[in-house]
Amino acid sequence: MKQKQPQTSDKNEKNLNQVIKIDEAKIKTHLGEMVRENVEEILNTLLDAEADQFCHAHRYGRTKARKNHPVRFS
């Protein structure tokens, strides 16, 4: 004796397909913004570290070795 598959499963599957909708354009835009923000943060961190090394002090820090005058290149 064969059992019939309920036809409601097809209907349920169609309903589930309508529940979950993904807007790929929004996802790409959001990911692009996240990447840009992370790259910006990393670059700023690197620039701050380079400036600290160049000045021989941390930002707003005071040391005897600190160079706080502009360097002139000839």
Protein backbone atom coordinates (compact mmCIF):
# COMPACT_ATOMS: atom_id res chain seq x y z
CA MET A 1 0.00 0.00 0.00
CA LYS A 2 1.48 3.31 -1.10
CA GLN A 3 1.12 6.37 1.02
CA LYS A 4 0.40 9.62 -0.70
CA GLN A 5 2.71 12.54 -0.07
CA PRO A 6 0.74 15.44 1.28
CA GLN A 7 0.36 18.25 -1.23
CA THR A 8 0.71 20.81 1.54
CA SER A 9 4.50 20.36 1.54
CA ASP A 10 4.73 22.08 -1.86
CA LYS A 11 2.54 24.87 -0.58
CA ASN A 12 4.63 25.20 2.60
CA GLU A 13 7.83 25.31 0.57
CA LYS A 14 6.45 28.13 -1.57
CA ASN A 15 5.44 30.02 1.57
CA LEU A 16 8.90 29.58 3.09
CA ASN A 17 10.49 30.93 -0.09
CA GLN A 18 8.45 34.06 0.36
CA VAL A 19 9.42 34.47 4.03
CA ILE A 20 13.17 34.73 3.50
CA LYS A 21 14.17 37.39 1.03
CA ILE A 22 17.73 38.58 0.60
CA ASP A 23 18.53 41.92 -0.95
CA GLU A 24 21.97 41.29 -2.43
CA ALA A 25 22.51 44.95 -3.28
CA LYS A 26 21.99 45.97 0.37
CA ILE A 27 24.34 43.22 1.55
CA LYS A 28 27.06 44.29 -0.88
CA THR A 29 26.65 47.94 0.14
CA HIS A 30 26.82 47.05 3.83
CA LEU A 31 29.87 44.83 3.36
CA GLY A 32 31.57 47.57 1.32
CA GLU A 33 30.97 50.07 4.13
CA MET A 34 32.30 47.62 6.73
CA VAL A 35 35.45 46.98 4.70
CA ARG A 36 36.00 50.72 4.13
CA GLU A 37 35.59 51.46 7.86
CA ASN A 38 38.00 48.67 8.83
CA VAL A 39 40.61 49.77 6.29
CA GLU A 40 40.27 53.36 7.49
CA GLU A 41 40.73 52.30 11.12
CA ILE A 42 43.80 50.20 10.27
CA LEU A 43 45.40 53.00 8.24
CA ASN A 44 44.78 55.55 10.99
CA THR A 45 46.32 53.19 13.56
CA LEU A 46 49.38 52.73 11.35
CA LEU A 47 49.70 56.48 10.78
CA ASP A 48 49.41 57.18 14.52
CA ALA A 49 52.10 54.58 15.26
CA GLU A 50 54.36 56.09 12.61
CA ALA A 51 53.83 59.58 14.04
CA ASP A 52 54.60 58.32 17.56
CA GLN A 53 57.81 56.74 16.33
CA PHE A 54 58.79 59.85 14.37
CA CYS A 55 58.17 62.17 17.33
CA HIS A 56 59.72 59.78 19.88
CA ALA A 57 56.57 60.09 22.04
CA HIS A 58 52.96 59.03 22.08
CA ARG A 59 50.26 61.46 21.05
CA TYR A 60 50.14 64.34 23.55
CA GLY A 61 52.96 62.64 25.44
CA ARG A 62 55.96 64.56 26.69
CA THR A 63 59.45 63.15 26.77
CA LYS A 64 62.90 64.73 26.68
CA ALA A 65 63.52 63.09 23.30
CA ARG A 66 60.27 64.35 21.78
CA LYS A 67 60.64 66.19 18.50
CA ASN A 68 57.74 68.59 18.21
CA HIS A 69 59.13 70.93 15.60
CA PRO A 70 58.49 70.47 11.91
CA VAL A 71 61.19 68.78 9.90
CA ARG A 72 62.34 70.82 6.93
CA PHE A 73 63.59 69.00 3.90
CA SER A 74 65.99 70.85 1.64
